[in-house]
Protein backbone atom coordinates (compact mmCIF):
# COMPACT_ATOMS: atom_id res chain seq x y z
CA MET A 1 -142.93 39.08 -41.38
CA SER A 2 -139.60 39.18 -42.91
CA GLN A 3 -137.67 35.78 -43.06
CA ALA A 4 -134.90 35.64 -40.49
CA THR A 5 -131.25 34.78 -42.33
CA LEU A 6 -129.25 31.39 -40.99
CA THR A 7 -126.00 32.50 -39.98
CA PRO A 8 -123.57 29.67 -39.09
CA PRO A 9 -121.77 29.64 -35.81
CA ALA A 10 -118.38 31.57 -35.60
CA ALA A 11 -115.35 29.02 -36.04
CA PRO A 12 -113.56 28.40 -32.94
CA ALA A 13 -110.11 30.32 -32.78
CA GLY A 14 -107.08 28.41 -34.01
CA PRO A 15 -105.29 27.19 -37.30
CA PRO A 16 -107.49 27.22 -39.97
CA ALA A 17 -109.14 23.90 -41.34
CA THR A 18 -107.80 21.49 -44.05
CA PRO A 19 -109.05 21.66 -47.16
CA VAL A 20 -111.09 18.77 -47.89
CA THR A 21 -110.19 17.42 -51.12
CA ALA A 22 -112.45 15.44 -53.23
CA PRO A 23 -111.49 11.35 -54.41
CA SER A 24 -110.09 11.34 -58.22
CA PRO A 25 -112.76 9.30 -60.30
CA VAL A 26 -112.17 6.01 -60.45
CA GLU A 27 -110.63 6.24 -64.00
CA ALA A 28 -108.39 8.55 -63.19
CA ARG A 29 -107.33 6.53 -60.42
CA ILE A 30 -107.06 3.63 -62.99
CA LEU A 31 -105.24 5.51 -65.43
CA ARG A 32 -102.66 6.33 -63.17
CA LEU A 33 -101.58 3.24 -62.88
CA LEU A 34 -100.75 2.99 -66.14
CA LEU A 35 -99.02 6.24 -66.23
CA PRO A 36 -95.23 5.19 -65.27
CA TYR A 37 -95.24 2.36 -67.56
CA HIS A 38 -96.58 5.42 -70.50
CA ARG A 39 -94.44 4.48 -74.02
CA THR A 40 -93.93 7.16 -75.84
CA THR A 41 -90.57 9.30 -77.49
CA GLY A 42 -91.55 12.56 -76.79
CA THR A 43 -92.68 14.49 -73.46
CA GLY A 44 -94.70 12.64 -71.23
CA SER A 45 -97.18 13.45 -68.49
CA ALA A 46 -98.39 12.15 -65.20
CA ASP A 47 -101.64 13.40 -65.21
CA PRO A 48 -104.09 12.11 -66.27
CA ALA A 49 -106.21 15.16 -67.70
CA ASP A 50 -103.78 14.82 -70.66
CA PHE A 51 -104.87 11.29 -71.62
CA PRO A 52 -108.96 12.05 -72.28
CA GLU A 53 -109.57 9.17 -74.46
CA GLN A 54 -108.22 6.79 -72.02
CA LEU A 55 -110.35 8.36 -69.40
CA ARG A 56 -113.49 8.30 -71.65
CA ARG A 57 -112.77 4.80 -72.41
CA ILE A 58 -112.30 3.56 -68.90
CA ARG A 59 -115.28 5.46 -67.52
CA ARG A 60 -117.72 3.45 -70.05
CA PHE A 61 -117.13 0.43 -67.39
CA THR A 62 -117.08 2.23 -64.82
CA ASP A 63 -120.10 3.49 -64.89
CA ALA A 64 -121.94 0.45 -65.81
CA GLY A 65 -119.72 -1.76 -63.30
CA GLU A 66 -118.00 -3.77 -65.52
CA PRO A 67 -114.54 -5.04 -65.51
CA VAL A 68 -112.24 -2.87 -67.26
CA LEU A 69 -111.06 -4.46 -70.56
CA PHE A 70 -107.99 -3.01 -72.47
CA THR A 71 -106.86 -4.69 -75.93
CA LEU A 72 -103.21 -5.19 -76.78
CA PRO A 73 -102.07 -5.66 -80.34
CA GLY A 74 -98.62 -7.48 -80.22
CA PHE A 75 -96.77 -10.61 -79.28
CA PRO A 76 -96.82 -11.57 -82.96
CA CYS A 77 -93.45 -13.40 -83.38
CA LYS A 78 -89.87 -13.61 -82.65
CA SER A 79 -87.74 -11.47 -85.48
CA PRO A 80 -86.04 -14.03 -87.58
CA ASN A 81 -82.57 -12.54 -86.93
CA PRO A 82 -80.69 -15.00 -84.33
CA ALA A 83 -78.34 -11.78 -83.34
CA LYS A 84 -81.73 -10.26 -81.94
CA VAL A 85 -83.28 -13.18 -79.93
CA LEU A 86 -82.54 -16.62 -78.50
CA GLY A 87 -85.22 -18.65 -80.92
CA HIS A 88 -88.80 -18.49 -82.45
CA LEU A 89 -90.53 -19.46 -79.07
CA PRO A 90 -91.13 -16.71 -76.22
CA ASP A 91 -88.74 -16.77 -73.97
CA GLU A 92 -88.20 -14.76 -70.38
CA GLY A 93 -89.11 -11.31 -72.24
CA GLU A 94 -92.66 -13.01 -72.69
CA ARG A 95 -92.81 -14.72 -69.36
CA LEU A 96 -92.03 -11.40 -67.58
CA SER A 97 -93.87 -9.19 -69.71
CA LEU A 98 -97.21 -11.07 -69.70
CA ALA A 99 -97.00 -11.57 -65.67
CA PHE A 100 -96.65 -7.60 -65.51
CA LEU A 101 -99.79 -7.23 -67.15
CA ASP A 102 -101.47 -9.58 -65.44
CA ARG A 103 -100.43 -7.29 -62.04
CA LEU A 104 -101.26 -4.49 -63.37
CA CYS A 105 -104.68 -6.03 -64.23
CA ALA A 106 -104.43 -7.08 -60.20
CA ARG A 107 -103.59 -3.48 -58.74
CA ILE A 108 -106.68 -1.77 -61.26
CA GLY A 109 -108.63 -4.75 -58.75
CA GLU A 110 -107.37 -2.98 -56.07
CA ILE A 111 -109.02 0.32 -56.34
CA TYR A 112 -111.76 -0.84 -58.74
CA ALA A 113 -113.59 -3.81 -57.41
CA PRO A 114 -114.93 -5.27 -60.99
CA GLY A 115 -110.77 -5.34 -61.81
CA ALA A 116 -109.73 -5.30 -65.56
CA ARG A 117 -108.76 -7.40 -68.19
CA ILE A 118 -105.92 -7.71 -70.96
CA LEU A 119 -106.96 -9.34 -74.54
CA ILE A 120 -103.52 -9.89 -76.18
CA CYS A 121 -104.22 -9.62 -79.91
CA SER A 122 -101.73 -11.81 -81.28
CA ASP A 123 -101.18 -12.08 -84.85
CA GLY A 124 -97.66 -12.48 -86.83
CA HIS A 125 -100.12 -13.74 -89.59
CA ILE A 126 -101.06 -10.53 -90.83
CA PHE A 127 -97.76 -9.40 -92.01
CA GLY A 128 -95.96 -12.48 -91.51
CA ASP A 129 -94.78 -12.65 -94.99
CA LEU A 130 -93.47 -9.22 -95.21
CA ILE A 131 -91.43 -9.64 -92.22
CA ARG A 132 -90.10 -13.06 -93.75
CA VAL A 133 -91.20 -15.23 -90.70
CA PRO A 134 -92.70 -18.98 -91.55
CA ASP A 135 -96.28 -19.11 -90.79
CA GLU A 136 -95.41 -22.68 -88.77
CA HIS A 137 -93.24 -20.22 -86.08
CA ILE A 138 -95.83 -17.93 -85.80
CA ASP A 139 -98.06 -20.72 -84.85
CA ALA A 140 -95.60 -22.07 -82.41
CA TYR A 141 -95.05 -18.70 -81.02
CA GLY A 142 -98.88 -18.37 -80.49
CA ASP A 143 -99.25 -21.63 -79.02
CA ALA A 144 -96.41 -21.49 -76.64
CA LEU A 145 -97.79 -18.10 -75.63
CA ARG A 146 -101.06 -19.75 -74.55
CA ASP A 147 -99.33 -22.28 -72.61
CA LEU A 148 -97.61 -19.90 -71.08
CA ILE A 149 -100.64 -17.92 -69.48
CA THR A 150 -102.09 -20.90 -68.40
CA GLY A 151 -98.88 -22.20 -67.06
CA GLU A 152 -97.76 -19.24 -64.91
CA GLY A 153 -101.57 -18.92 -64.16
CA LEU A 154 -102.19 -15.68 -65.24
CA GLY A 155 -106.22 -15.58 -64.96
CA ARG A 156 -106.34 -11.63 -66.28
CA LEU A 157 -105.20 -12.62 -69.84
CA ASP A 158 -107.21 -13.75 -72.49
CA THR A 159 -105.96 -14.27 -76.43
CA PHE A 160 -107.38 -13.25 -79.68
CA ASP A 161 -106.03 -13.67 -82.91
CA LEU A 162 -106.84 -14.51 -86.59
CA ARG A 163 -108.57 -18.30 -85.97
CA ASP A 164 -111.74 -16.05 -83.56
CA VAL A 165 -112.29 -14.38 -87.01
CA HIS A 166 -111.33 -16.78 -89.97
CA GLY A 167 -111.41 -20.09 -88.12
CA ASP A 168 -109.13 -22.79 -89.61
CA LEU A 169 -108.60 -20.91 -93.41
CA ASP A 170 -105.24 -20.84 -94.99
CA HIS A 171 -103.45 -18.21 -93.52
CA ASP A 172 -102.78 -16.72 -97.37
CA THR A 173 -106.90 -16.12 -97.27
CA LYS A 174 -106.91 -14.74 -94.09
CA ARG A 175 -104.28 -11.78 -94.87
CA ARG A 176 -106.29 -11.13 -97.99
CA LEU A 177 -109.80 -11.02 -96.38
CA VAL A 178 -108.30 -8.54 -93.99
CA THR A 179 -106.15 -6.60 -95.84
CA GLU A 180 -108.82 -5.81 -98.42
CA ALA A 181 -111.82 -4.88 -95.75
CA TYR A 182 -109.46 -2.61 -93.79
CA ALA A 183 -105.65 -1.78 -94.89
CA PRO A 184 -105.59 1.81 -95.93
CA PRO A 185 -104.12 2.45 -99.70
CA VAL A 186 -100.07 2.81 -99.70
CA GLU A 187 -100.66 5.86 -101.41
CA GLU A 188 -102.39 7.37 -98.14
CA LEU A 189 -99.64 6.15 -96.05
CA ARG A 190 -97.24 7.61 -97.76
CA ALA A 191 -99.07 10.93 -97.89
CA LEU A 192 -99.00 10.76 -94.11
CA VAL A 193 -95.72 9.69 -93.89
CA ARG A 194 -94.85 13.32 -95.45
CA GLY A 195 -97.11 15.47 -93.62
CA ASP A 196 -97.28 13.41 -90.19
CA GLU A 197 -94.82 13.26 -87.60
CA GLU A 198 -96.22 10.83 -85.80
CA THR A 199 -96.47 8.62 -88.93
CA ALA A 200 -93.67 9.31 -89.64
CA ARG A 201 -91.88 7.97 -86.61
CA LEU A 202 -93.76 5.17 -86.85
CA TYR A 203 -92.54 4.05 -90.57
CA ARG A 204 -88.87 5.00 -89.63
CA GLY A 205 -88.94 2.49 -86.33
CA ILE A 206 -90.75 -0.15 -88.63
CA THR A 207 -87.94 0.22 -91.99
CA ARG A 208 -85.16 -0.03 -89.02
CA PHE A 209 -86.68 -3.40 -87.48
CA LEU A 210 -86.86 -4.46 -91.12
CA VAL A 211 -83.08 -3.59 -91.93
CA GLU A 212 -82.25 -5.28 -88.54
CA ASP A 213 -84.67 -8.44 -89.00
CA THR A 214 -82.92 -9.50 -92.39
CA ALA A 215 -79.93 -11.23 -91.71
CA ASP A 216 -79.11 -12.87 -94.94
CA PHE A 217 -80.02 -10.18 -97.82
CA ALA A 218 -77.09 -10.50 -100.43
CA GLY A 219 -77.57 -6.98 -101.92
CA THR A 220 -75.87 -3.89 -101.01
CA ARG A 221 -76.94 -2.17 -97.88
CA SER A 222 -78.61 0.61 -99.74
CA ALA A 223 -80.61 -1.59 -101.49
CA LEU A 224 -81.78 -3.58 -98.11
CA GLN A 225 -82.89 -0.47 -96.90
CA ARG A 226 -84.82 0.56 -100.28
CA GLU A 227 -86.57 -3.11 -100.09
CA CYS A 228 -87.39 -2.38 -95.98
CA ARG A 229 -88.56 0.49 -96.73
CA ALA A 230 -91.17 -0.47 -100.04
CA ARG A 231 -91.67 -3.31 -97.14
CA ALA A 232 -92.67 -0.98 -94.21
CA TYR A 233 -95.50 0.40 -95.99
CA GLY A 234 -97.33 -2.28 -95.82
CA VAL A 235 -96.76 -3.68 -92.30
CA ILE A 236 -97.79 -0.69 -91.20
CA ALA A 237 -101.13 -0.60 -93.76
CA ARG A 238 -101.71 -4.75 -92.56
CA SER A 239 -100.86 -3.49 -89.23
CA ARG A 240 -103.43 -0.44 -89.32
CA ALA A 241 -106.17 -3.23 -90.77
CA TRP A 242 -105.55 -5.42 -87.79
CA GLY A 243 -105.98 -2.79 -85.06
CA ASP A 244 -109.33 -1.96 -86.98
CA LEU A 245 -110.64 -5.41 -87.09
CA ILE A 246 -110.15 -5.69 -83.42
CA ALA A 247 -111.67 -2.13 -82.60
CA ASP A 248 -115.09 -3.69 -84.57
CA CYS A 249 -114.59 -6.60 -83.03
CA HIS A 250 -114.40 -4.83 -79.18
CA PRO A 251 -115.51 -1.37 -79.94
CA ARG A 252 -116.23 -0.96 -76.22
CA SER A 253 -112.14 -1.77 -75.37
CA VAL A 254 -109.63 0.56 -73.72
CA ARG A 255 -106.85 0.40 -76.44
CA LEU A 256 -103.21 -0.23 -75.70
CA SER A 257 -100.22 -0.17 -78.30
CA ILE A 258 -96.64 -1.27 -78.07
CA HIS A 259 -95.60 1.43 -80.27
CA PRO A 260 -94.93 4.76 -78.93
CA GLN A 261 -97.90 7.08 -78.52
CA ARG A 262 -98.19 10.74 -77.88
CA PRO A 263 -100.26 12.08 -74.15
CA GLY A 264 -103.71 12.70 -75.98
CA ALA A 265 -103.51 9.81 -78.42
CA GLU A 266 -106.14 7.26 -79.34
CA LYS A 267 -103.98 4.62 -77.85
CA PHE A 268 -101.78 4.81 -74.78
CA GLY A 269 -98.36 3.08 -75.52
CA ILE A 270 -97.10 0.85 -72.91
CA ARG A 271 -93.72 -0.31 -72.08
CA LEU A 272 -93.61 -4.03 -70.96
CA LEU A 273 -90.08 -4.18 -69.53
CA GLU A 274 -87.01 -1.98 -69.03
CA ALA A 275 -85.18 -0.94 -72.43
CA ALA A 276 -82.66 1.79 -73.72
CA ASP A 277 -84.87 1.89 -76.81
CA ALA A 278 -88.45 2.96 -76.75
CA TRP A 279 -89.20 0.91 -79.64
CA ALA A 280 -87.86 -2.19 -77.95
CA THR A 281 -90.03 -4.94 -77.38
CA PRO A 282 -89.66 -8.63 -75.96
CA TRP A 283 -90.08 -10.46 -79.39
CA HIS A 284 -87.35 -7.87 -80.82
CA THR A 285 -84.61 -8.87 -78.38
CA ALA A 286 -83.39 -11.15 -75.95
CA VAL A 287 -83.55 -10.46 -71.84
CA LEU A 288 -80.36 -9.83 -69.77
CA ARG A 289 -80.66 -10.20 -65.97
CA GLY A 290 -78.46 -8.01 -63.93
CA ARG A 291 -76.62 -8.72 -60.99
CA GLU A 292 -79.67 -7.49 -58.60
CA GLY A 293 -82.50 -9.38 -60.46
CA GLU A 294 -83.91 -6.64 -62.54
CA ALA A 295 -84.04 -7.23 -66.68
CA ARG A 296 -83.47 -5.30 -69.36
CA LEU A 297 -84.16 -5.93 -73.19
CA MET A 298 -81.36 -5.97 -75.82
CA HIS A 299 -80.03 -7.50 -78.79
CA ARG A 300 -79.07 -11.00 -78.08
CA ALA A 301 -75.41 -10.18 -79.05
CA GLU A 302 -75.03 -7.87 -76.52
CA ALA A 303 -76.60 -10.12 -73.89
CA GLU A 304 -74.49 -12.50 -74.47
CA ARG A 305 -71.18 -10.25 -74.70
CA ARG A 306 -72.31 -9.32 -71.03
CA GLY A 307 -73.95 -12.30 -69.63
CA ARG A 308 -74.59 -16.38 -69.37
CA LEU A 309 -77.31 -18.24 -71.15
CA VAL A 310 -80.18 -19.86 -68.39
CA PHE A 311 -82.06 -22.37 -69.76
CA ARG A 312 -85.75 -22.76 -68.60
CA ALA A 313 -87.57 -26.10 -69.09
CA GLY A 314 -85.14 -27.06 -71.65
CA ARG A 315 -85.21 -24.02 -73.61
CA PRO A 316 -83.14 -21.13 -73.93
CA SER A 317 -84.68 -18.38 -71.29
CA HIS A 318 -82.08 -15.12 -71.28
CA PHE A 319 -79.31 -14.21 -69.77
CA GLU A 320 -77.69 -13.60 -66.50
CA GLU A 321 -74.95 -10.64 -65.92
CA ARG A 322 -71.28 -11.99 -65.11
């Protein structure tokens, strides 16, 4: 006897049923929270599928039911140029940026119960001698940054610096150890700058920062630019060394960057505050608060022309638009 074929009952007459859309994987929903803040100089994307490296790394944590760990190299020290910043200690720019990062982790916790943490990998000591910032200023900035995280109750943020790697060795020794272990040869970077547009943009951006940050150069403008171009290779080499050291210490983390990154890059570039310049960071600028309370990053000299200085806890904090 042949087996009967089971046929589902006919659907009642009426409008077609709305198709049921499967929910997005949790790693895509987490990434969508970051996409509005993607820092890039090219064409951005609102599609998580264009960021496979970040999806893969987030999935490592969600599959294990663990908090997602993001690592963010940044917050090294303030620019040494007083026309750009209010001083050598963190101010409103850092306070707002850290609060934003903590809120981002909190929002991830609303859709993924284990939540997320961001490790602020701050070490201006890596290239402090190249950017002409005294080590004592970098120490003071880092200590004040940790105090700010504690004082503001930003419990989803942690810090990491060379003390976690090389303890209490002197700064020159720490720089040497990290550079010898991780920094690429300058010749290799020169070849990359010639042949890779992303590296070339980074080189131009860092050269520009070095020129802007040199407030007391006695020579000609062209001589300053030549000197800064040479120093830029050293800054990039040590920055890469720092990034590779972080990757070794935290190999599973989702890697963030304060530099612009294209969709699909290994790192996800993230904006901390609004600024006209895609390269602007709180440690190279001051904050101008608009009349509606919005915060924008710009050079101190420009913010000073447009606003009045505001103090917080007895220190210069930011400007408010007149």
